[in-house]
């Protein structure tokens, strides 16, 4: 696999987009000195290059394997995961109270980006564990935190999210998994018998670690219908006394990509002996779920950056080596041809834009942690953009990577197709990108009585110097204001083009800021110029779609499709 850690651009974005030095001035993140962050980026780069990248092809071609005794990962994966644990890489963004290093969330995102660029499927294991840590840190009891967080932080144990059921995908309120209080002499002890089936559970079973901590949404007896009746439960694969907990992987999915990530169907309580304990209050499951989900959505945005970076590196290496055709009368590598350069420059520009967008959003997590209310509002605005647009870009860049390879990109030997296959799930899981767009127009536009959107537009307008970017900001404001007063159907019809417009405007803002930094090198300046000159104007063409009513979408009866 072609893999070089993107340390220089990661550091540039952390310094000039996130403003990490300002975040590190606070006592909470005092550990994030420039030297420490540099050491982390270089260390995880060397680790990923040496330990995880060499397993990427086997992870894709061999994949995880189901057996009656449990899921078995390909050769080398367990050793590579143990090296990850021993290196302390899981502890980066975890509070020091739980054995973590207490570094900012955005630094943890950079670590996950590097791991995922090296081996995207494998990196889903720590990504899911990060979500479980967040949920327990915010909603767990002191006893739960003391028992589980140190082991999750180290990576000794991994974590999962168990939301989806066969009949309950995005409609979480339709789930049927039950949690029945265990009655003992003198009353209940706070434990429950869990029974039900969950599907699409990433790393729901594996042989990397000795235990898996499942966070499971379920209903207690007589719970209200819909989302109001959902609670969250902690269900370990192995109980603290070492006995199995009656949870098993029934099967794993045969997927288009991410073959190194076992996506499991999990059955809880086949023998009536699956024990879990409540996390947070009864019926508080949705609140706890969104703690996990919002964290996961940003980390899925990081996956968009991962796959874009990997595909760009692969395509650029091939273009430099592949000799075909001529330029100025002499045989030339395809990198010399104008259309190939167009694709490579677009790939690089979109990758840089995605990284800037996602890191900026992750930086708002850290600022909100420090008590910045405006950062909390900005994070709410940016989360659907970071998740949806970064994963859209990951798919675009991976597709361009196949195109750069030509016919060789369509065969598996070159590895270009793996990026394309792996990328395709990212706009779907953790809330489809259509759901992100619906969230943007349904909730985020009205946040703080419209003040959060107005503040974002004001920031974009104040800094926009490129004429096309200024026009796009104006168009975003006009469409956003119209949607604030539009019908629900009209908002939904316009949601996706509007999300893309606002995402491109935000990326253009961040790219223009980077180009203005004296330390920006020639590659950065060229990518930023390409983005502002060619990609920003494209987004202006979406204004018509974002301004149209829903009538055109409902002109045909359902049966006509």
Protein backbone atom coordinates (compact mmCIF):
# COMPACT_ATOMS: atom_id res chain seq x y z
CA UNK A 1 0.00 0.00 0.00
CA UNK A 2 1.18 3.53 -0.79
CA UNK A 3 1.07 5.38 2.52
CA UNK A 4 2.88 8.41 3.87
CA UNK A 5 1.48 10.10 6.99
CA UNK A 6 0.18 13.58 6.15
CA UNK A 7 1.98 15.15 9.10
CA UNK A 8 2.86 18.48 7.47
CA UNK A 9 -0.70 19.32 6.43
CA UNK A 10 -2.16 18.02 9.68
CA UNK A 11 0.14 20.31 11.63
CA UNK A 12 -0.57 23.24 9.33
CA UNK A 13 -4.32 22.87 9.84
CA UNK A 14 -3.97 22.41 13.59
CA UNK A 15 -1.92 25.61 13.78
CA UNK A 16 -3.68 27.87 11.28
CA UNK A 17 -7.28 26.61 11.13
CA UNK A 18 -7.92 25.12 14.57
CA UNK A 19 -5.74 27.54 16.54
CA UNK A 20 -4.40 24.74 18.72
CA UNK A 21 -1.92 27.02 20.50
CA UNK A 22 -4.84 29.06 21.87
CA UNK A 23 -6.64 25.92 23.06
CA UNK A 24 -3.44 24.70 24.74
CA UNK A 25 -3.19 27.87 26.83
CA UNK A 26 -6.00 26.57 29.00
CA UNK A 27 -5.11 24.36 31.94
CA UNK A 28 -7.45 21.60 30.71
CA UNK A 29 -5.31 21.11 27.60
CA UNK A 30 -1.95 22.31 28.86
CA UNK A 31 -0.42 18.97 27.82
CA UNK A 32 -0.90 19.91 24.16
CA UNK A 33 2.39 21.77 23.78
CA UNK A 34 3.79 22.19 20.28
CA UNK A 35 6.52 19.64 20.97
CA UNK A 36 4.06 17.09 22.35
CA UNK A 37 1.68 17.42 19.41
CA UNK A 38 4.56 17.13 16.95
CA UNK A 39 5.75 13.99 18.73
CA UNK A 40 2.24 12.51 18.64
CA UNK A 41 1.80 13.17 14.91
CA UNK A 42 5.22 11.78 14.05
CA UNK A 43 4.84 8.82 16.40
CA UNK A 44 1.45 7.72 15.12
CA UNK A 45 2.69 8.23 11.56
CA UNK A 46 5.62 5.89 12.11
CA UNK A 47 3.41 3.39 13.94
CA UNK A 48 0.71 3.37 11.26
CA UNK A 49 3.25 3.08 8.47
CA UNK A 50 5.07 0.20 10.13
CA UNK A 51 2.25 -1.75 11.79
CA UNK A 52 -1.15 -1.04 10.23
CA UNK A 53 -0.54 -0.07 6.60
CA UNK A 54 1.09 -3.42 5.71
CA UNK A 55 -2.12 -5.20 6.77
CA UNK A 56 -4.47 -3.13 4.58
CA UNK A 57 -4.44 -5.44 1.57
CA UNK A 58 -4.89 -8.60 3.67
CA UNK A 59 -7.66 -6.88 5.58
CA UNK A 60 -9.47 -6.29 2.31
CA UNK A 61 -8.77 -9.61 0.57
CA UNK A 62 -8.94 -11.98 3.53
CA UNK A 63 -11.27 -9.98 5.75
CA UNK A 64 -12.83 -10.91 9.05
CA UNK A 65 -14.17 -14.48 9.29
CA UNK A 66 -17.18 -15.73 11.25
CA UNK A 67 -16.93 -18.98 13.21
CA UNK A 68 -19.31 -20.53 15.76
CA UNK A 69 -16.81 -19.58 18.45
CA UNK A 70 -16.65 -15.93 17.35
CA UNK A 71 -15.21 -13.63 14.70
CA UNK A 72 -11.58 -14.17 13.70
CA UNK A 73 -9.51 -11.34 12.24
CA UNK A 74 -6.85 -11.93 9.54
CA UNK A 75 -3.34 -12.95 10.53
CA UNK A 76 -1.33 -10.12 12.05
CA UNK A 77 -4.26 -8.01 13.19
CA UNK A 78 -4.25 -9.07 16.83
CA UNK A 79 -0.52 -8.38 17.17
CA UNK A 80 -0.92 -5.00 15.45
CA UNK A 81 -3.80 -4.11 17.76
CA UNK A 82 -1.81 -5.09 20.82
CA UNK A 83 1.00 -2.85 19.59
CA UNK A 84 -1.57 -0.04 19.38
CA UNK A 85 -2.58 -0.72 23.00
CA UNK A 86 1.00 -0.93 24.23
CA UNK A 87 1.84 2.32 22.47
CA UNK A 88 -0.91 4.12 24.39
CA UNK A 89 -2.51 5.45 21.20
CA UNK A 90 -6.04 4.92 22.52
CA UNK A 91 -5.41 7.20 25.47
CA UNK A 92 -4.66 10.38 23.48
CA UNK A 93 -7.95 12.26 23.94
CA UNK A 94 -9.16 10.60 27.16
CA UNK A 95 -9.32 12.51 30.44
CA UNK A 96 -6.38 11.86 32.74
CA UNK A 97 -8.79 10.67 35.44
CA UNK A 98 -9.31 7.52 33.40
CA UNK A 99 -5.70 6.92 32.45
CA UNK A 100 -5.75 9.12 29.36
CA UNK A 101 -3.29 11.75 28.19
CA UNK A 102 -5.84 14.57 28.29
CA UNK A 103 -4.97 15.94 24.85
CA UNK A 104 -7.58 17.80 22.78
CA UNK A 105 -10.24 15.95 20.81
CA UNK A 106 -8.85 17.42 17.58
CA UNK A 107 -5.45 15.82 18.23
CA UNK A 108 -7.19 12.50 18.75
CA UNK A 109 -8.95 13.08 15.41
CA UNK A 110 -5.57 13.55 13.73
CA UNK A 111 -4.37 10.26 15.24
CA UNK A 112 -7.48 8.49 13.93
CA UNK A 113 -6.99 10.06 10.51
CA UNK A 114 -3.48 8.65 10.26
CA UNK A 115 -4.54 5.19 11.43
CA UNK A 116 -7.48 5.15 9.01
CA UNK A 117 -5.48 6.35 6.03
CA UNK A 118 -3.11 3.45 6.70
CA UNK A 119 -5.93 0.91 7.22
CA UNK A 120 -9.45 2.28 7.16
CA UNK A 121 -11.35 -0.85 8.14
CA UNK A 122 -9.05 -1.62 11.06
CA UNK A 123 -9.34 1.95 12.39
CA UNK A 124 -13.07 1.52 12.96
CA UNK A 125 -12.26 -0.42 16.15
CA UNK A 126 -10.76 2.57 18.01
CA UNK A 127 -13.32 4.94 16.47
CA UNK A 128 -16.20 2.95 18.02
CA UNK A 129 -14.36 2.74 21.33
CA UNK A 130 -14.02 6.53 21.39
CA UNK A 131 -17.81 6.82 21.15
CA UNK A 132 -18.33 4.39 24.03
CA UNK A 133 -15.86 6.34 26.16
CA UNK A 134 -17.73 9.58 25.46
CA UNK A 135 -21.07 8.07 26.46
CA UNK A 136 -19.75 6.63 29.72
CA UNK A 137 -17.78 9.77 30.57
CA UNK A 138 -20.94 11.88 30.24
CA UNK A 139 -23.64 9.51 31.48
CA UNK A 140 -22.08 6.64 33.42
CA UNK A 141 -22.08 6.27 37.19
CA UNK A 142 -18.79 6.78 39.06
CA UNK A 143 -18.60 3.03 39.54
CA UNK A 144 -19.13 2.35 35.83
CA UNK A 145 -16.56 4.96 34.91
CA UNK A 146 -13.95 3.60 37.32
CA UNK A 147 -14.51 0.03 36.15
CA UNK A 148 -14.75 0.44 32.40
CA UNK A 149 -13.14 3.70 31.28
CA UNK A 150 -9.50 2.87 32.06
CA UNK A 151 -9.75 -0.38 30.08
CA UNK A 152 -11.56 1.27 27.18
CA UNK A 153 -9.10 4.17 27.18
CA UNK A 154 -6.10 1.88 26.98
CA UNK A 155 -7.78 -0.22 24.30
CA UNK A 156 -7.50 -3.33 26.46
CA UNK A 157 -11.25 -3.59 25.85
CA UNK A 158 -13.12 -2.22 22.84
CA UNK A 159 -16.56 -0.61 22.69
CA UNK A 160 -19.53 -0.71 20.34
CA UNK A 161 -22.78 1.13 19.63
CA UNK A 162 -25.89 -1.06 19.31
CA UNK A 163 -28.75 0.93 17.82
CA UNK A 164 -30.00 -0.63 14.61
CA UNK A 165 -32.43 -3.54 14.37
CA UNK A 166 -33.93 -5.26 11.32
CA UNK A 167 -37.10 -3.14 11.55
CA UNK A 168 -35.48 -0.05 13.13
CA UNK A 169 -32.77 1.67 11.11
CA UNK A 170 -32.85 5.46 11.14
CA UNK A 171 -36.21 5.17 12.92
CA UNK A 172 -34.63 4.30 16.27
CA UNK A 173 -37.97 4.63 18.04
CA UNK A 174 -39.15 1.40 16.41
CA UNK A 175 -36.61 -0.80 18.22
CA UNK A 176 -37.83 -3.88 20.12
CA UNK A 177 -34.88 -5.05 22.22
CA UNK A 178 -36.03 -5.41 25.83
CA UNK A 179 -34.42 -4.87 29.22
CA UNK A 180 -36.20 -6.55 32.15
CA UNK A 181 -35.15 -5.69 35.73
CA UNK A 182 -33.59 -8.60 37.58
CA UNK A 183 -35.48 -9.08 40.81
CA UNK A 184 -33.57 -10.46 43.77
CA UNK A 185 -34.40 -10.85 47.41
CA UNK A 186 -34.99 -7.37 48.76
CA UNK A 187 -35.69 -5.90 45.29
CA UNK A 188 -33.73 -5.15 42.13
CA UNK A 189 -30.00 -4.50 42.08
CA UNK A 190 -29.95 -2.23 39.05
CA UNK A 191 -29.20 -5.00 36.56
CA UNK A 192 -31.39 -6.09 33.66
CA UNK A 193 -31.85 -9.09 31.41
CA UNK A 194 -31.29 -7.95 27.82
CA UNK A 195 -33.05 -9.71 24.95
CA UNK A 196 -33.07 -8.82 21.27
CA UNK A 197 -31.18 -8.62 18.00
CA UNK A 198 -29.02 -5.80 16.70
CA UNK A 199 -27.67 -5.51 13.16
CA UNK A 200 -24.91 -3.57 11.42
CA UNK A 201 -22.73 -3.54 14.56
CA UNK A 202 -19.20 -2.58 13.55
CA UNK A 203 -16.60 -4.65 15.42
CA UNK A 204 -19.48 -6.27 17.30
CA UNK A 205 -17.26 -9.31 17.69
CA UNK A 206 -13.54 -9.98 17.07
CA UNK A 207 -10.45 -11.56 18.60
CA UNK A 208 -8.40 -8.39 18.99
CA UNK A 209 -9.21 -7.83 22.68
CA UNK A 210 -10.38 -10.00 25.55
CA UNK A 211 -13.63 -8.12 26.12
CA UNK A 212 -16.08 -5.94 24.21
CA UNK A 213 -18.28 -3.39 25.96
CA UNK A 214 -21.58 -3.15 24.11
CA UNK A 215 -23.70 -0.02 24.61
CA UNK A 216 -27.22 -1.18 23.79
CA UNK A 217 -30.45 0.74 23.30
CA UNK A 218 -33.46 -1.16 24.68
CA UNK A 219 -36.91 -0.77 26.21
CA UNK A 220 -37.83 -1.46 29.79
CA UNK A 221 -41.25 -2.96 30.64
CA UNK A 222 -44.16 -0.55 30.11
CA UNK A 223 -41.86 1.99 28.45
CA UNK A 224 -43.61 4.68 26.38
CA UNK A 225 -43.74 4.12 22.63
CA UNK A 226 -41.23 5.74 20.31
CA UNK A 227 -37.98 7.38 21.27
CA UNK A 228 -39.33 8.53 24.66
CA UNK A 229 -39.24 4.95 25.92
CA UNK A 230 -35.63 4.13 25.06
CA UNK A 231 -32.89 3.53 27.63
CA UNK A 232 -29.17 2.79 27.26
CA UNK A 233 -27.49 -0.27 28.78
CA UNK A 234 -23.94 -1.43 29.31
CA UNK A 235 -23.61 -5.06 28.24
CA UNK A 236 -20.11 -6.59 28.31
CA UNK A 237 -19.34 -9.62 26.18
CA UNK A 238 -17.60 -11.10 29.22
CA UNK A 239 -18.79 -10.29 32.75
CA UNK A 240 -16.40 -8.89 35.31
CA UNK A 241 -16.18 -12.32 36.97
CA UNK A 242 -14.90 -13.79 33.70
CA UNK A 243 -18.04 -15.66 32.62
CA UNK A 244 -19.59 -15.24 29.15
CA UNK A 245 -22.60 -12.92 29.05
CA UNK A 246 -24.96 -14.66 26.60
CA UNK A 247 -24.27 -12.36 23.66
CA UNK A 248 -23.05 -13.80 20.37
CA UNK A 249 -22.38 -12.89 16.79
CA UNK A 250 -24.96 -14.73 14.68
CA UNK A 251 -23.28 -13.70 11.44
CA UNK A 252 -21.23 -11.00 9.76
CA UNK A 253 -22.23 -9.06 6.67
CA UNK A 254 -20.70 -9.62 3.22
CA UNK A 255 -20.00 -6.04 2.24
CA UNK A 256 -18.84 -3.93 -0.68
CA UNK A 257 -15.84 -2.71 1.32
CA UNK A 258 -14.34 -2.34 4.80
CA UNK A 259 -13.71 -6.07 4.87
CA UNK A 260 -11.31 -5.69 7.80
CA UNK A 261 -14.19 -4.37 9.91
CA UNK A 262 -16.58 -7.16 10.96
CA UNK A 263 -20.14 -5.85 10.72
CA UNK A 264 -22.11 -8.17 12.95
CA UNK A 265 -25.60 -9.36 13.66
CA UNK A 266 -25.62 -9.69 17.46
CA UNK A 267 -28.09 -11.72 19.45
CA UNK A 268 -28.56 -10.84 23.12
CA UNK A 269 -30.09 -13.28 25.63
CA UNK A 270 -30.67 -16.40 23.53
CA UNK A 271 -30.41 -18.37 26.77
CA UNK A 272 -32.13 -15.78 28.95
CA UNK A 273 -28.89 -14.87 30.70
CA UNK A 274 -27.59 -11.65 29.13
CA UNK A 275 -27.06 -9.15 31.94
CA UNK A 276 -26.72 -5.40 31.46
CA UNK A 277 -26.80 -2.31 33.62
CA UNK A 278 -28.47 1.02 33.00
CA UNK A 279 -26.38 3.95 31.80
CA UNK A 280 -27.93 7.22 32.91
CA UNK A 281 -31.61 7.48 33.85
CA UNK A 282 -34.33 5.21 32.57
CA UNK A 283 -35.72 6.65 29.30
CA UNK A 284 -32.53 8.72 28.92
CA UNK A 285 -31.30 6.59 26.04
CA UNK A 286 -31.74 9.16 23.28
CA UNK A 287 -29.73 11.80 25.12
CA UNK A 288 -26.93 9.31 25.75
CA UNK A 289 -27.17 8.01 22.20
CA UNK A 290 -26.62 11.45 20.75
CA UNK A 291 -23.50 11.83 22.87
CA UNK A 292 -22.17 8.78 21.05
CA UNK A 293 -23.69 9.73 17.73
CA UNK A 294 -22.39 13.28 17.53
CA UNK A 295 -18.91 12.05 18.41
CA UNK A 296 -19.23 9.31 15.80
CA UNK A 297 -20.46 11.72 13.13
CA UNK A 298 -17.33 13.82 13.44
CA UNK A 299 -15.17 10.72 13.35
CA UNK A 300 -16.99 9.52 10.23
CA UNK A 301 -16.09 12.90 8.75
CA UNK A 302 -12.51 12.00 9.66
CA UNK A 303 -13.01 8.79 7.66
CA UNK A 304 -13.85 10.93 4.65
CA UNK A 305 -10.46 12.61 5.07
CA UNK A 306 -8.77 9.21 5.53
CA UNK A 307 -10.03 7.74 2.30
CA UNK A 308 -9.43 10.96 0.34
CA UNK A 309 -5.84 11.17 1.56
CA UNK A 310 -5.16 7.52 0.80
CA UNK A 311 -6.73 7.66 -2.67
CA UNK A 312 -4.82 10.85 -3.51
CA UNK A 313 -1.49 9.35 -2.48
CA UNK A 314 -2.17 6.20 -4.48
CA UNK A 315 -3.23 8.10 -7.62
CA UNK A 316 -0.32 10.56 -7.49
CA UNK A 317 2.23 7.73 -7.14
CA UNK A 318 0.71 5.89 -10.09
CA UNK A 319 0.56 9.02 -12.25
CA UNK A 320 4.26 9.73 -11.66
CA UNK A 321 5.23 6.19 -12.65
CA UNK A 322 2.85 5.36 -15.50
CA UNK A 323 4.33 6.36 -18.88
CA UNK A 324 1.77 6.73 -21.62
CA UNK A 325 1.49 9.13 -24.54
CA UNK A 326 3.85 11.98 -25.22
CA UNK A 327 4.35 15.62 -24.32
CA UNK A 328 6.57 17.95 -26.34
CA UNK A 329 7.48 15.04 -28.59
CA UNK A 330 8.83 12.76 -25.86
CA UNK A 331 7.29 9.88 -23.91
CA UNK A 332 5.70 11.21 -20.73
CA UNK A 333 4.35 9.97 -17.44
CA UNK A 334 0.63 10.60 -17.27
CA UNK A 335 1.18 13.19 -14.54
CA UNK A 336 2.34 15.47 -17.40
CA UNK A 337 -1.06 15.39 -19.12
CA UNK A 338 -3.41 18.27 -18.40
CA UNK A 339 -6.52 16.25 -17.58
CA UNK A 340 -4.64 13.99 -15.17
CA UNK A 341 -3.20 17.07 -13.48
CA UNK A 342 -6.72 18.48 -13.24
CA UNK A 343 -7.90 15.36 -11.45
CA UNK A 344 -4.89 15.18 -9.13
CA UNK A 345 -5.13 18.85 -8.19
CA UNK A 346 -8.85 18.47 -7.55
CA UNK A 347 -8.18 15.43 -5.37
CA UNK A 348 -5.55 17.30 -3.37
CA UNK A 349 -7.71 20.42 -3.01
CA UNK A 350 -10.78 18.46 -1.89
CA UNK A 351 -8.73 16.43 0.56
CA UNK A 352 -7.26 19.58 2.10
CA UNK A 353 -10.71 21.17 2.23
CA UNK A 354 -12.20 18.13 3.94
CA UNK A 355 -9.39 18.04 6.50
CA UNK A 356 -9.80 21.74 7.26
CA UNK A 357 -13.57 21.41 7.65
CA UNK A 358 -13.44 18.36 9.94
CA UNK A 359 -10.54 19.60 12.06
CA UNK A 360 -12.24 22.96 12.46
CA UNK A 361 -15.38 21.21 13.74
CA UNK A 362 -13.32 19.01 16.08
CA UNK A 363 -11.59 22.12 17.40
CA UNK A 364 -15.01 23.49 18.34
CA UNK A 365 -15.48 20.39 20.53
CA UNK A 366 -12.41 21.41 22.51
CA UNK A 367 -13.47 25.05 22.76
CA UNK A 368 -16.92 23.97 23.93
CA UNK A 369 -15.28 21.72 26.53
CA UNK A 370 -13.58 24.85 27.85
CA UNK A 371 -16.99 26.48 28.33
CA UNK A 372 -17.22 28.56 25.15
CA UNK A 373 -20.97 28.81 24.45
CA UNK A 374 -20.43 30.22 20.96
CA UNK A 375 -18.19 27.28 20.14
CA UNK A 376 -20.99 24.95 21.22
CA UNK A 377 -23.36 26.65 18.79
CA UNK A 378 -20.75 26.59 16.02
CA UNK A 379 -20.17 22.89 16.64
CA UNK A 380 -23.90 22.25 16.27
CA UNK A 381 -23.84 24.08 12.93
CA UNK A 382 -20.70 22.37 11.66
CA UNK A 383 -21.40 18.75 12.62
CA UNK A 384 -23.79 17.94 9.73
CA UNK A 385 -21.45 19.72 7.32
CA UNK A 386 -18.37 17.88 8.56
CA UNK A 387 -20.04 14.46 8.48
CA UNK A 388 -21.87 14.82 5.18
CA UNK A 389 -19.57 16.92 3.04
CA UNK A 390 -16.32 15.25 4.10
CA UNK A 391 -17.74 11.82 3.27
CA UNK A 392 -19.13 13.07 -0.04
CA UNK A 393 -15.64 14.33 -0.81
CA UNK A 394 -14.11 11.02 0.22
CA UNK A 395 -16.30 9.31 -2.35
CA UNK A 396 -15.53 11.89 -5.05
CA UNK A 397 -11.80 11.69 -4.47
CA UNK A 398 -11.79 7.89 -4.37
CA UNK A 399 -13.70 7.80 -7.66
CA UNK A 400 -11.22 10.21 -9.24
CA UNK A 401 -8.44 7.98 -7.98
CA UNK A 402 -9.85 5.09 -10.00
CA UNK A 403 -10.11 7.39 -13.03
CA UNK A 404 -6.48 8.47 -12.77
CA UNK A 405 -5.48 4.80 -12.89
CA UNK A 406 -7.61 4.27 -16.00
CA UNK A 407 -8.44 0.64 -16.68
CA UNK A 408 -5.94 -0.44 -14.04
CA UNK A 409 -8.05 1.33 -11.45
CA UNK A 410 -10.95 -1.00 -12.15
CA UNK A 411 -8.99 -4.12 -11.27
CA UNK A 412 -8.12 -4.97 -7.71
CA UNK A 413 -4.36 -5.39 -8.10
CA UNK A 414 -3.58 -1.66 -8.02
CA UNK A 415 -5.54 -1.00 -4.82
CA UNK A 416 -7.39 2.04 -6.17
CA UNK A 417 -10.71 0.19 -6.13
CA UNK A 418 -10.38 -0.58 -2.42
CA UNK A 419 -10.58 3.10 -1.53
CA UNK A 420 -13.66 3.46 -3.74
CA UNK A 421 -15.38 0.46 -2.13
CA UNK A 422 -14.40 1.40 1.42
CA UNK A 423 -15.61 4.98 1.00
CA UNK A 424 -19.15 4.15 -0.06
CA UNK A 425 -20.53 3.34 3.38
CA UNK A 426 -19.46 6.63 4.94
CA UNK A 427 -22.35 8.76 3.56
CA UNK A 428 -24.75 6.11 4.90
CA UNK A 429 -23.88 5.19 8.47
CA UNK A 430 -24.17 7.29 11.63
CA UNK A 431 -27.11 9.09 10.04
CA UNK A 432 -27.25 9.22 6.24
CA UNK A 433 -26.08 12.41 4.61
CA UNK A 434 -29.70 13.13 3.75
CA UNK A 435 -30.46 12.99 7.47
CA UNK A 436 -27.57 15.40 8.08
CA UNK A 437 -29.09 17.79 5.54
CA UNK A 438 -32.51 17.44 7.18
CA UNK A 439 -30.92 18.21 10.55
CA UNK A 440 -29.27 21.30 9.10
CA UNK A 441 -32.49 22.83 7.77
CA UNK A 442 -34.80 21.40 10.42
CA UNK A 443 -32.86 22.21 13.59
CA UNK A 444 -29.60 24.01 13.02
CA UNK A 445 -30.92 26.93 10.97
CA UNK A 446 -33.16 27.88 13.89
CA UNK A 447 -30.51 27.35 16.57
CA UNK A 448 -30.33 30.35 18.91
CA UNK A 449 -33.28 31.85 17.00
CA UNK A 450 -31.22 31.79 13.83
CA UNK A 451 -28.25 33.40 15.55
CA UNK A 452 -25.87 30.47 15.03
CA UNK A 453 -26.42 30.56 11.26
CA UNK A 454 -26.15 34.36 11.19
CA UNK A 455 -22.86 34.21 13.11
CA UNK A 456 -21.41 31.68 10.67
CA UNK A 457 -22.45 33.78 7.68
CA UNK A 458 -20.93 36.87 9.31
CA UNK A 459 -17.60 35.09 9.78
CA UNK A 460 -17.60 33.82 6.21
CA UNK A 461 -18.48 37.23 4.80
CA UNK A 462 -15.95 39.14 6.90
CA UNK A 463 -13.04 37.07 5.65
CA UNK A 464 -14.13 36.34 2.07
CA UNK A 465 -11.88 38.10 -0.41
CA UNK A 466 -12.28 35.90 -3.45
CA UNK A 467 -15.21 37.21 -5.56
CA UNK A 468 -16.73 33.76 -6.14
CA UNK A 469 -16.56 32.97 -2.43
CA UNK A 470 -18.24 36.28 -1.56
CA UNK A 471 -21.04 35.52 -4.03
CA UNK A 472 -21.47 32.01 -2.61
CA UNK A 473 -21.73 33.36 0.94
CA UNK A 474 -24.43 35.78 -0.21
CA UNK A 475 -26.30 32.94 -1.90
CA UNK A 476 -26.07 30.77 1.23
CA UNK A 477 -27.48 33.58 3.34
CA UNK A 478 -30.37 34.20 0.94
CA UNK A 479 -31.28 30.51 0.70
CA UNK A 480 -30.90 30.00 4.45
CA UNK A 481 -33.20 32.90 5.25
CA UNK A 482 -35.80 31.61 2.81
CA UNK A 483 -35.66 28.14 4.32
CA UNK A 484 -36.10 29.50 7.84
CA UNK A 485 -39.60 30.56 6.85
CA UNK A 486 -40.39 27.79 4.38
CA UNK A 487 -42.72 24.81 4.77
CA UNK A 488 -41.30 21.54 6.04
CA UNK A 489 -41.53 19.97 2.58
CA UNK A 490 -39.76 22.88 0.91
CA UNK A 491 -37.00 22.81 3.52
CA UNK A 492 -36.46 19.11 2.98
CA UNK A 493 -36.46 19.45 -0.80
CA UNK A 494 -33.75 22.10 -0.62
CA UNK A 495 -31.76 20.54 2.19
CA UNK A 496 -29.06 18.65 0.32
CA UNK A 497 -28.06 21.31 -2.21
CA UNK A 498 -28.11 23.86 0.60
CA UNK A 499 -25.88 21.69 2.79
CA UNK A 500 -23.42 21.37 -0.08
CA UNK A 501 -23.45 25.12 -0.75
CA UNK A 502 -22.84 25.97 2.89
CA UNK A 503 -20.15 23.29 3.20
CA UNK A 504 -18.27 24.56 0.14
CA UNK A 505 -18.55 28.14 1.42
CA UNK A 506 -17.15 27.01 4.78
CA UNK A 507 -14.35 25.07 3.10
CA UNK A 508 -13.59 28.03 0.85
CA UNK A 509 -13.36 30.25 3.92
CA UNK A 510 -10.90 27.86 5.58
CA UNK A 511 -8.88 27.37 2.38
CA UNK A 512 -8.58 31.10 1.82
CA UNK A 513 -7.35 31.53 5.39
CA UNK A 514 -4.66 28.90 4.80
CA UNK A 515 -3.49 30.46 1.55
CA UNK A 516 -2.94 33.76 3.36
CA UNK A 517 -0.47 32.21 5.83
CA UNK A 518 3.11 33.16 4.85
CA UNK A 519 4.29 29.64 5.72
CA UNK A 520 1.97 28.05 3.13
CA UNK A 521 4.05 26.15 0.57
CA UNK A 522 3.54 26.01 -3.20
CA UNK A 523 1.35 22.89 -3.00
CA UNK A 524 -0.94 24.47 -0.42
CA UNK A 525 -1.22 27.69 -2.41
CA UNK A 526 -1.97 25.87 -5.66
CA UNK A 527 -4.62 23.67 -4.02
CA UNK A 528 -6.29 26.66 -2.36
CA UNK A 529 -6.29 28.64 -5.62
CA UNK A 530 -7.82 25.71 -7.49
CA UNK A 531 -10.50 25.34 -4.80
CA UNK A 532 -11.47 29.01 -4.89
CA UNK A 533 -11.26 29.40 -8.66
CA UNK A 534 -12.95 26.17 -9.74
CA UNK A 535 -14.79 24.38 -6.94
CA UNK A 536 -16.43 27.36 -5.22
CA UNK A 537 -18.06 28.59 -8.48
CA UNK A 538 -19.53 25.12 -9.03
CA UNK A 539 -21.45 25.39 -5.76
CA UNK A 540 -23.11 28.58 -6.97
CA UNK A 541 -24.88 26.41 -9.53
CA UNK A 542 -26.74 24.68 -6.70
CA UNK A 543 -28.64 27.82 -5.75
CA UNK A 544 -31.47 27.03 -8.17
CA UNK A 545 -31.98 23.58 -6.66
CA UNK A 546 -31.79 24.96 -3.13
CA UNK A 547 -34.36 27.63 -4.02
CA UNK A 548 -36.91 25.35 -5.67
CA UNK A 549 -40.10 24.22 -3.97
CA UNK A 550 -40.93 20.60 -3.18
CA UNK A 551 -43.58 20.50 -5.92
CA UNK A 552 -41.16 19.18 -8.53
CA UNK A 553 -40.23 16.24 -6.28
CA UNK A 554 -43.86 15.29 -5.72
CA UNK A 555 -45.07 15.81 -9.27
CA UNK A 556 -45.05 12.06 -9.87
CA UNK A 557 -47.02 9.48 -7.88
CA UNK A 558 -44.89 7.02 -5.91
CA UNK A 559 -45.68 4.23 -8.32
CA UNK A 560 -44.10 6.10 -11.21
CA UNK A 561 -40.60 5.73 -9.82
